[in-house]
Amino acid sequence: MPFLNPFQTNEERLLHGLSKGDVNAFEEIFNQFWKPLYRLAHSKVQDRAEAEEIVQSIFSALWEQREKLEIENLSAYLHRAVKNRVLNSIRAKITEQKYWDYYHNFIPKVQNSTENAVVFDDLQEGLQAAVNHLPEKSRKVFQLSRFEGRTNHEIAKLLKISEKSIEYHLTKSLREIRIYMKDYITILAIFMLF
């Protein structure tokens, strides 16, 4: 039986339990905070699935990093985490939209817009498939860099690896994506000739 401090608050008890891997403490935190965090996320992103994904990712990170976290105010920590994830999501959408706008404008306008749309969709699917083909660490680094627009310094801090490692993963990812995408680019080139 663990020592119970009579002056310890419920939040302190939950945080202590969480840090020790107590599933019941985690479930209690989840049950207490899931709805308010979901409502906060949904009020910002206005999308049910995205709000659920944001909150789920926060609880996943909370469990995975439970031994390292130093949380003084659980409610404030979780609310700040939602706000940060929402900002990252908005930043990622803006960055991704800029990339797709660039690619969309780069592809020449042809008379048959249906074929153009099909090729563009194929290219987009090919890029996503190429990214999904990357090893997990490289994929995470690539997505944070290229889709969320984060700097190498931010990524290194977030993933707790060196900036040299970030550069390595990005270089490796770009090389693998180029190889994976060569068939798509060939098809696109043939299409543009006709």
Protein backbone atom coordinates (compact mmCIF):
# COMPACT_ATOMS: atom_id res chain seq x y z
CA MET A 1 0.00 0.00 0.00
CA PRO A 2 1.58 3.32 -1.05
CA PHE A 3 2.10 6.03 1.56
CA LEU A 4 -0.82 8.47 1.50
CA ASN A 5 -0.03 12.04 2.37
CA PRO A 6 -3.11 13.53 4.10
CA PHE A 7 -2.18 17.01 2.80
CA GLN A 8 -1.89 15.88 -0.81
CA THR A 9 -4.61 17.23 -3.12
CA ASN A 10 -6.53 14.99 -5.51
CA GLU A 11 -4.59 16.52 -8.43
CA GLU A 12 -1.26 15.81 -6.74
CA ARG A 13 -2.40 12.25 -6.06
CA LEU A 14 -3.39 11.79 -9.72
CA LEU A 15 -0.13 13.27 -11.01
CA HIS A 16 1.90 11.11 -8.65
CA GLY A 17 -0.02 8.02 -9.76
CA LEU A 18 0.38 8.96 -13.41
CA SER A 19 4.15 9.39 -13.06
CA LYS A 20 4.31 5.88 -11.54
CA GLY A 21 2.31 4.36 -14.43
CA ASP A 22 -0.96 3.96 -12.51
CA VAL A 23 -3.59 3.25 -15.20
CA ASN A 24 -6.42 4.14 -12.82
CA ALA A 25 -4.94 7.61 -12.22
CA PHE A 26 -4.61 8.11 -15.97
CA GLU A 27 -8.22 7.00 -16.55
CA GLU A 28 -9.41 9.39 -13.85
CA ILE A 29 -7.52 12.27 -15.50
CA PHE A 30 -8.93 11.25 -18.87
CA ASN A 31 -12.51 11.06 -17.57
CA GLN A 32 -12.20 14.38 -15.76
CA PHE A 33 -10.63 16.40 -18.58
CA TRP A 34 -11.64 14.81 -21.89
CA LYS A 35 -14.94 16.68 -22.40
CA PRO A 36 -13.70 20.17 -21.43
CA LEU A 37 -10.58 19.76 -23.59
CA TYR A 38 -12.67 18.49 -26.50
CA ARG A 39 -15.04 21.46 -26.21
CA LEU A 40 -12.07 23.86 -26.16
CA ALA A 41 -10.45 22.22 -29.19
CA HIS A 42 -13.76 22.08 -31.09
CA SER A 43 -14.47 25.76 -30.39
CA LYS A 44 -11.14 26.60 -32.06
CA VAL A 45 -11.02 24.20 -35.03
CA GLN A 46 -14.78 23.83 -35.65
CA ASP A 47 -14.31 20.19 -36.72
CA ARG A 48 -15.38 17.22 -34.59
CA ALA A 49 -12.84 14.70 -35.91
CA GLU A 50 -9.94 17.15 -35.72
CA ALA A 51 -10.88 18.18 -32.16
CA GLU A 52 -11.03 14.51 -31.12
CA GLU A 53 -7.65 13.87 -32.75
CA ILE A 54 -6.09 16.84 -30.94
CA VAL A 55 -7.38 15.72 -27.54
CA GLN A 56 -6.45 12.09 -28.18
CA SER A 57 -2.89 13.09 -29.13
CA ILE A 58 -2.59 15.11 -25.90
CA PHE A 59 -3.64 12.14 -23.76
CA SER A 60 -1.34 9.81 -25.72
CA ALA A 61 1.59 12.17 -25.13
CA LEU A 62 0.61 12.53 -21.45
CA TRP A 63 0.78 8.75 -20.99
CA GLU A 64 3.92 8.22 -23.09
CA GLN A 65 5.85 11.01 -21.35
CA ARG A 66 4.39 10.46 -17.86
CA GLU A 67 7.75 9.75 -16.22
CA LYS A 68 9.43 12.88 -17.61
CA LEU A 69 6.69 15.47 -17.16
CA GLU A 70 6.88 18.02 -14.38
CA ILE A 71 3.35 19.38 -14.08
CA GLU A 72 2.37 21.80 -11.34
CA ASN A 73 -1.17 22.60 -12.49
CA LEU A 74 -2.77 19.78 -14.49
CA SER A 75 -5.73 21.78 -15.77
CA ALA A 76 -3.53 24.66 -16.96
CA TYR A 77 -1.06 22.22 -18.53
CA LEU A 78 -3.77 20.39 -20.49
CA HIS A 79 -5.49 23.59 -21.63
CA ARG A 80 -2.15 25.01 -22.80
CA ALA A 81 -1.47 21.73 -24.63
CA VAL A 82 -4.79 22.06 -26.49
CA LYS A 83 -4.03 25.65 -27.48
CA ASN A 84 -0.55 24.65 -28.71
CA ARG A 85 -1.91 21.70 -30.74
CA VAL A 86 -4.60 23.93 -32.25
CA LEU A 87 -1.98 26.51 -33.25
CA ASN A 88 0.19 23.75 -34.75
CA SER A 89 -2.80 22.43 -36.66
CA ILE A 90 -3.62 25.87 -38.06
CA ARG A 91 0.06 26.44 -38.95
CA ALA A 92 0.20 23.04 -40.67
CA LYS A 93 -2.93 23.78 -42.71
CA ILE A 94 -1.53 27.12 -43.84
CA THR A 95 1.82 25.59 -44.76
CA GLU A 96 0.23 22.62 -46.53
CA GLN A 97 -2.12 24.94 -48.43
CA LYS A 98 0.85 27.04 -49.58
CA TYR A 99 2.57 23.89 -50.91
CA TRP A 100 -0.51 22.69 -52.75
CA ASP A 101 -1.22 26.18 -54.12
CA TYR A 102 2.34 26.27 -55.44
CA TYR A 103 2.04 22.83 -57.05
CA HIS A 104 -1.39 23.65 -58.42
CA ASN A 105 -0.07 26.85 -60.01
CA PHE A 106 3.06 25.10 -61.23
CA ILE A 107 1.11 22.50 -63.20
CA PRO A 108 0.29 24.15 -66.56
CA LYS A 109 -3.32 24.80 -67.37
CA VAL A 110 -4.52 22.40 -70.05
CA GLN A 111 -7.78 22.29 -71.92
CA ASN A 112 -9.03 19.16 -70.22
CA SER A 113 -9.32 20.24 -66.59
CA THR A 114 -10.69 16.85 -65.54
CA GLU A 115 -7.48 15.10 -66.63
CA ASN A 116 -5.47 17.84 -64.92
CA ALA A 117 -7.40 17.32 -61.69
CA VAL A 118 -6.85 13.54 -61.89
CA VAL A 119 -3.11 13.98 -62.41
CA PHE A 120 -2.92 16.52 -59.57
CA ASP A 121 -4.83 14.15 -57.25
CA ASP A 122 -2.53 11.28 -58.26
CA LEU A 123 0.52 13.43 -57.58
CA GLN A 124 -0.87 14.42 -54.19
CA GLU A 125 -1.66 10.77 -53.34
CA GLY A 126 1.81 9.76 -54.52
CA LEU A 127 3.46 12.31 -52.25
CA GLN A 128 1.37 11.17 -49.29
CA ALA A 129 2.19 7.52 -50.04
CA ALA A 130 5.89 8.41 -50.31
CA VAL A 131 5.78 10.16 -46.93
CA ASN A 132 3.92 7.19 -45.38
CA HIS A 133 6.67 4.89 -46.73
CA LEU A 134 9.35 6.66 -44.69
CA PRO A 135 10.63 5.13 -41.45
CA GLU A 136 8.69 6.43 -38.45
CA LYS A 137 11.31 8.89 -37.14
CA SER A 138 12.07 10.29 -40.62
CA ARG A 139 8.35 10.60 -41.39
CA LYS A 140 7.74 12.50 -38.14
CA VAL A 141 10.65 14.87 -38.83
CA PHE A 142 9.53 15.42 -42.45
CA GLN A 143 5.91 16.12 -41.48
CA LEU A 144 6.91 18.55 -38.74
CA SER A 145 9.27 20.34 -41.11
CA ARG A 146 7.41 20.35 -44.41
CA PHE A 147 3.75 20.13 -43.42
CA GLU A 148 3.78 21.99 -40.10
CA GLY A 149 6.49 24.49 -41.05
CA ARG A 150 8.59 23.99 -37.92
CA THR A 151 12.25 24.91 -37.79
CA ASN A 152 14.99 22.32 -37.25
CA HIS A 153 15.59 23.81 -33.80
CA GLU A 154 11.90 23.41 -32.84
CA ILE A 155 11.82 19.83 -34.12
CA ALA A 156 15.04 18.92 -32.30
CA LYS A 157 13.63 20.30 -29.07
CA LEU A 158 10.27 18.56 -29.56
CA LEU A 159 11.73 15.15 -30.45
CA LYS A 160 14.71 15.51 -28.10
CA ILE A 161 17.30 14.79 -30.79
CA SER A 162 20.10 16.91 -32.22
CA GLU A 163 19.67 19.36 -35.08
CA LYS A 164 22.24 17.29 -37.01
CA SER A 165 19.88 14.33 -36.68
CA ILE A 166 17.04 16.47 -38.00
CA GLU A 167 19.16 17.44 -41.03
CA TYR A 168 20.05 13.77 -41.57
CA HIS A 169 16.39 12.68 -41.46
CA LEU A 170 15.29 15.47 -43.82
CA THR A 171 18.04 14.70 -46.34
CA LYS A 172 17.26 10.99 -46.17
CA SER A 173 13.50 11.66 -46.47
CA LEU A 174 13.87 13.92 -49.50
CA ARG A 175 16.11 11.36 -51.23
CA GLU A 176 13.63 8.52 -50.56
CA ILE A 177 10.64 10.63 -51.64
CA ARG A 178 12.44 11.56 -54.89
CA ILE A 179 13.06 7.89 -55.62
CA TYR A 180 9.50 6.93 -54.73
CA MET A 181 8.03 9.80 -56.77
CA LYS A 182 10.08 9.25 -59.96
CA ASP A 183 7.27 7.21 -61.56
CA TYR A 184 4.71 9.91 -60.75
CA ILE A 185 6.94 12.61 -62.21
CA THR A 186 7.47 10.54 -65.39
CA ILE A 187 3.72 10.13 -65.80
CA LEU A 188 3.22 13.85 -65.20
CA ALA A 189 5.88 14.72 -67.80
CA ILE A 190 4.25 12.44 -70.39
CA PHE A 191 0.87 13.97 -69.64
CA MET A 192 2.21 17.49 -70.06
CA LEU A 193 3.61 16.62 -73.50
CA PHE A 194 0.20 15.71 -74.89
